């Protein structure tokens, strides 16, 4: 089994910064793509940022230029640096990973973290 554990959420004023971390542990051969989603009350979960094993990134238009995703493959950890935060960024942020658990089956498995709350005050 695999666990994704997020940390770094909290309360920040508009214009401030936070850095989220997500550490993956368990039966992991390699992580293909890993990223962050968010879900505000009454809204659908949406992609915030994604990074592939090759380092390619994808961002939601609403966060481009303000958020930066990075990963440490040796630590199976992904980070989300969030700058210039706005009240509309307030959400529960979830880590998501597509990964291989072994080198033989080549079957991708998808996992979610438990989420971390980000609150932005105006």
C-alpha atoms as a PDB file:
ATOM      1  CA  UNK A   1       0.000   0.000   0.000  1.00  0.00           C
ATOM      2  CA  UNK A   2       0.976   3.596  -0.518  1.00  0.00           C
ATOM      3  CA  UNK A   3       0.370   6.633   1.657  1.00  0.00           C
ATOM      4  CA  UNK A   4       0.495  10.272   0.637  1.00  0.00           C
ATOM      5  CA  UNK A   5       0.906  12.637   3.561  1.00  0.00           C
ATOM      6  CA  UNK A   6       0.431  16.347   3.011  1.00  0.00           C
ATOM      7  CA  UNK A   7       1.682  19.117   5.244  1.00  0.00           C
ATOM      8  CA  UNK A   8       2.181  22.863   5.179  1.00  0.00           C
ATOM      9  CA  UNK A   9      -1.360  24.135   5.053  1.00  0.00           C
ATOM     10  CA  UNK A  10      -2.550  26.868   7.339  1.00  0.00           C
ATOM     11  CA  UNK A  11      -3.878  30.371   7.673  1.00  0.00           C
ATOM     12  CA  UNK A  12      -2.293  33.217   5.736  1.00  0.00           C
ATOM     13  CA  UNK A  13      -3.207  36.750   4.780  1.00  0.00           C
ATOM     14  CA  UNK A  14      -3.884  37.643   1.182  1.00  0.00           C
ATOM     15  CA  UNK A  15      -0.611  38.318  -0.582  1.00  0.00           C
ATOM     16  CA  UNK A  16       1.236  35.883   1.629  1.00  0.00           C
ATOM     17  CA  UNK A  17       2.910  32.576   0.862  1.00  0.00           C
ATOM     18  CA  UNK A  18       2.677  28.964   1.899  1.00  0.00           C
ATOM     19  CA  UNK A  19       4.615  25.874   0.910  1.00  0.00           C
ATOM     20  CA  UNK A  20       2.828  22.546   0.787  1.00  0.00           C
ATOM     21  CA  UNK A  21       4.629  19.227   0.919  1.00  0.00           C
ATOM     22  CA  UNK A  22       3.428  15.745   0.057  1.00  0.00           C
ATOM     23  CA  UNK A  23       5.507  12.716   0.944  1.00  0.00           C
ATOM     24  CA  UNK A  24       4.718   9.357  -0.611  1.00  0.00           C
ATOM     25  CA  UNK A  25       5.663   6.183   1.215  1.00  0.00           C
ATOM     26  CA  UNK A  26       5.018   2.475   0.937  1.00  0.00           C
ATOM     27  CA  UNK A  27       5.342   0.101  -1.985  1.00  0.00           C
ATOM     28  CA  UNK A  28       6.665   2.472  -4.626  1.00  0.00           C
ATOM     29  CA  UNK A  29       8.812   1.545  -7.580  1.00  0.00           C
ATOM     30  CA  UNK A  30       8.543   4.903  -9.302  1.00  0.00           C
ATOM     31  CA  UNK A  31       6.188   7.852  -9.403  1.00  0.00           C
ATOM     32  CA  UNK A  32       4.940   8.791 -12.850  1.00  0.00           C
ATOM     33  CA  UNK A  33       3.014  11.988 -12.286  1.00  0.00           C
ATOM     34  CA  UNK A  34       2.288  13.701  -9.018  1.00  0.00           C
ATOM     35  CA  UNK A  35       0.404  16.853  -8.311  1.00  0.00           C
ATOM     36  CA  UNK A  36      -1.996  18.962  -6.345  1.00  0.00           C
ATOM     37  CA  UNK A  37      -5.739  19.374  -6.571  1.00  0.00           C
ATOM     38  CA  UNK A  38      -8.008  21.549  -4.513  1.00  0.00           C
ATOM     39  CA  UNK A  39     -11.631  21.532  -3.543  1.00  0.00           C
ATOM     40  CA  UNK A  40     -13.535  24.400  -1.984  1.00  0.00           C
ATOM     41  CA  UNK A  41     -16.923  23.861  -0.279  1.00  0.00           C
ATOM     42  CA  UNK A  42     -19.646  23.330  -2.841  1.00  0.00           C
ATOM     43  CA  UNK A  43     -17.204  23.160  -5.731  1.00  0.00           C
ATOM     44  CA  UNK A  44     -15.692  20.382  -7.778  1.00  0.00           C
ATOM     45  CA  UNK A  45     -12.164  19.231  -7.163  1.00  0.00           C
ATOM     46  CA  UNK A  46      -9.834  20.902  -9.628  1.00  0.00           C
ATOM     47  CA  UNK A  47      -6.271  20.437 -10.769  1.00  0.00           C
ATOM     48  CA  UNK A  48      -3.875  23.036  -9.404  1.00  0.00           C
ATOM     49  CA  UNK A  49      -0.508  21.779 -10.622  1.00  0.00           C
ATOM     50  CA  UNK A  50       1.056  18.583 -11.891  1.00  0.00           C
ATOM     51  CA  UNK A  51       4.612  17.453 -12.487  1.00  0.00           C
ATOM     52  CA  UNK A  52       5.670  14.394 -14.450  1.00  0.00           C
ATOM     53  CA  UNK A  53       8.620  12.100 -13.900  1.00  0.00           C
ATOM     54  CA  UNK A  54      10.443  14.001 -16.616  1.00  0.00           C
ATOM     55  CA  UNK A  55       9.874  17.321 -14.915  1.00  0.00           C
ATOM     56  CA  UNK A  56       7.147  18.660 -17.194  1.00  0.00           C
ATOM     57  CA  UNK A  57       4.638  20.814 -15.373  1.00  0.00           C
ATOM     58  CA  UNK A  58       1.043  21.813 -15.879  1.00  0.00           C
ATOM     59  CA  UNK A  59      -0.770  24.558 -13.991  1.00  0.00           C
ATOM     60  CA  UNK A  60      -4.302  25.783 -13.699  1.00  0.00           C
ATOM     61  CA  UNK A  61      -4.621  29.163 -15.397  1.00  0.00           C
ATOM     62  CA  UNK A  62      -5.696  30.710 -12.106  1.00  0.00           C
ATOM     63  CA  UNK A  63      -2.364  29.944 -10.426  1.00  0.00           C
ATOM     64  CA  UNK A  64       0.123  30.439 -13.254  1.00  0.00           C
ATOM     65  CA  UNK A  65       2.867  32.828 -12.269  1.00  0.00           C
ATOM     66  CA  UNK A  66       2.033  32.528  -8.562  1.00  0.00           C
ATOM     67  CA  UNK A  67       2.432  28.823  -7.746  1.00  0.00           C
ATOM     68  CA  UNK A  68       5.386  26.569  -8.467  1.00  0.00           C
ATOM     69  CA  UNK A  69       5.444  22.793  -8.248  1.00  0.00           C
ATOM     70  CA  UNK A  70       8.627  20.796  -7.753  1.00  0.00           C
ATOM     71  CA  UNK A  71       9.570  17.269  -6.784  1.00  0.00           C
ATOM     72  CA  UNK A  72      12.376  15.456  -5.049  1.00  0.00           C
ATOM     73  CA  UNK A  73      12.476  12.008  -6.617  1.00  0.00           C
ATOM     74  CA  UNK A  74      14.908  10.669  -4.048  1.00  0.00           C
ATOM     75  CA  UNK A  75      12.449  11.512  -1.281  1.00  0.00           C
ATOM     76  CA  UNK A  76       9.266  10.730  -3.235  1.00  0.00           C
ATOM     77  CA  UNK A  77       8.105  14.180  -2.266  1.00  0.00           C
ATOM     78  CA  UNK A  78       6.338  16.937  -4.156  1.00  0.00           C
ATOM     79  CA  UNK A  79       6.148  20.565  -3.137  1.00  0.00           C
ATOM     80  CA  UNK A  80       3.831  23.410  -4.009  1.00  0.00           C
ATOM     81  CA  UNK A  81       5.152  26.890  -3.401  1.00  0.00           C
ATOM     82  CA  UNK A  82       2.198  29.249  -3.291  1.00  0.00           C
ATOM     83  CA  UNK A  83       2.890  32.969  -3.522  1.00  0.00           C
ATOM     84  CA  UNK A  84       0.644  36.001  -3.764  1.00  0.00           C
ATOM     85  CA  UNK A  85      -2.201  34.019  -2.277  1.00  0.00           C
ATOM     86  CA  UNK A  86      -5.730  35.240  -2.836  1.00  0.00           C
ATOM     87  CA  UNK A  87      -8.905  34.537  -0.866  1.00  0.00           C
ATOM     88  CA  UNK A  88     -10.130  32.442  -3.794  1.00  0.00           C
ATOM     89  CA  UNK A  89      -7.164  30.095  -3.296  1.00  0.00           C
ATOM     90  CA  UNK A  90      -8.650  28.966   0.014  1.00  0.00           C
ATOM     91  CA  UNK A  91      -9.471  25.272  -0.257  1.00  0.00           C
ATOM     92  CA  UNK A  92      -8.541  21.853   0.918  1.00  0.00           C
ATOM     93  CA  UNK A  93      -5.486  20.878  -1.103  1.00  0.00           C
ATOM     94  CA  UNK A  94      -5.031  17.238  -2.008  1.00  0.00           C
ATOM     95  CA  UNK A  95      -1.961  15.450  -3.248  1.00  0.00           C
ATOM     96  CA  UNK A  96      -2.461  12.890  -6.020  1.00  0.00           C
ATOM     97  CA  UNK A  97       0.005  10.456  -7.522  1.00  0.00           C
ATOM     98  CA  UNK A  98       0.106   7.984 -10.388  1.00  0.00           C
ATOM     99  CA  UNK A  99       2.786   5.470  -9.601  1.00  0.00           C
ATOM    100  CA  UNK A 100       4.194   2.039 -10.278  1.00  0.00           C
ATOM    101  CA  UNK A 101       4.359  -0.301  -7.318  1.00  0.00           C
ATOM    102  CA  UNK A 102       6.674  -2.768  -9.018  1.00  0.00           C
ATOM    103  CA  UNK A 103       8.851  -2.927 -12.145  1.00  0.00           C
ATOM    104  CA  UNK A 104       7.085  -5.916 -13.670  1.00  0.00           C
ATOM    105  CA  UNK A 105       3.369  -5.265 -14.074  1.00  0.00           C
ATOM    106  CA  UNK A 106       3.785  -1.750 -15.451  1.00  0.00           C
ATOM    107  CA  UNK A 107       0.363  -1.018 -14.017  1.00  0.00           C
ATOM    108  CA  UNK A 108      -0.218   2.523 -12.799  1.00  0.00           C
ATOM    109  CA  UNK A 109      -1.918   2.967  -9.450  1.00  0.00           C
ATOM    110  CA  UNK A 110      -3.565   6.197  -8.359  1.00  0.00           C
ATOM    111  CA  UNK A 111      -3.536   7.480  -4.781  1.00  0.00           C
ATOM    112  CA  UNK A 112      -4.883  10.502  -2.917  1.00  0.00           C
ATOM    113  CA  UNK A 113      -3.689  12.150   0.248  1.00  0.00           C
ATOM    114  CA  UNK A 114      -6.008  13.151   3.062  1.00  0.00           C
ATOM    115  CA  UNK A 115      -5.869  16.851   2.254  1.00  0.00           C
ATOM    116  CA  UNK A 116      -4.538  19.943   3.970  1.00  0.00           C
ATOM    117  CA  UNK A 117      -6.540  23.100   4.571  1.00  0.00           C
ATOM    118  CA  UNK A 118      -5.402  26.417   3.196  1.00  0.00           C
ATOM    119  CA  UNK A 119      -7.222  29.481   4.487  1.00  0.00           C
ATOM    120  CA  UNK A 120      -6.568  32.926   3.049  1.00  0.00           C
ATOM    121  CA  UNK A 121      -7.903  36.006   4.808  1.00  0.00           C
ATOM    122  CA  UNK A 122      -8.526  39.253   2.991  1.00  0.00           C
END
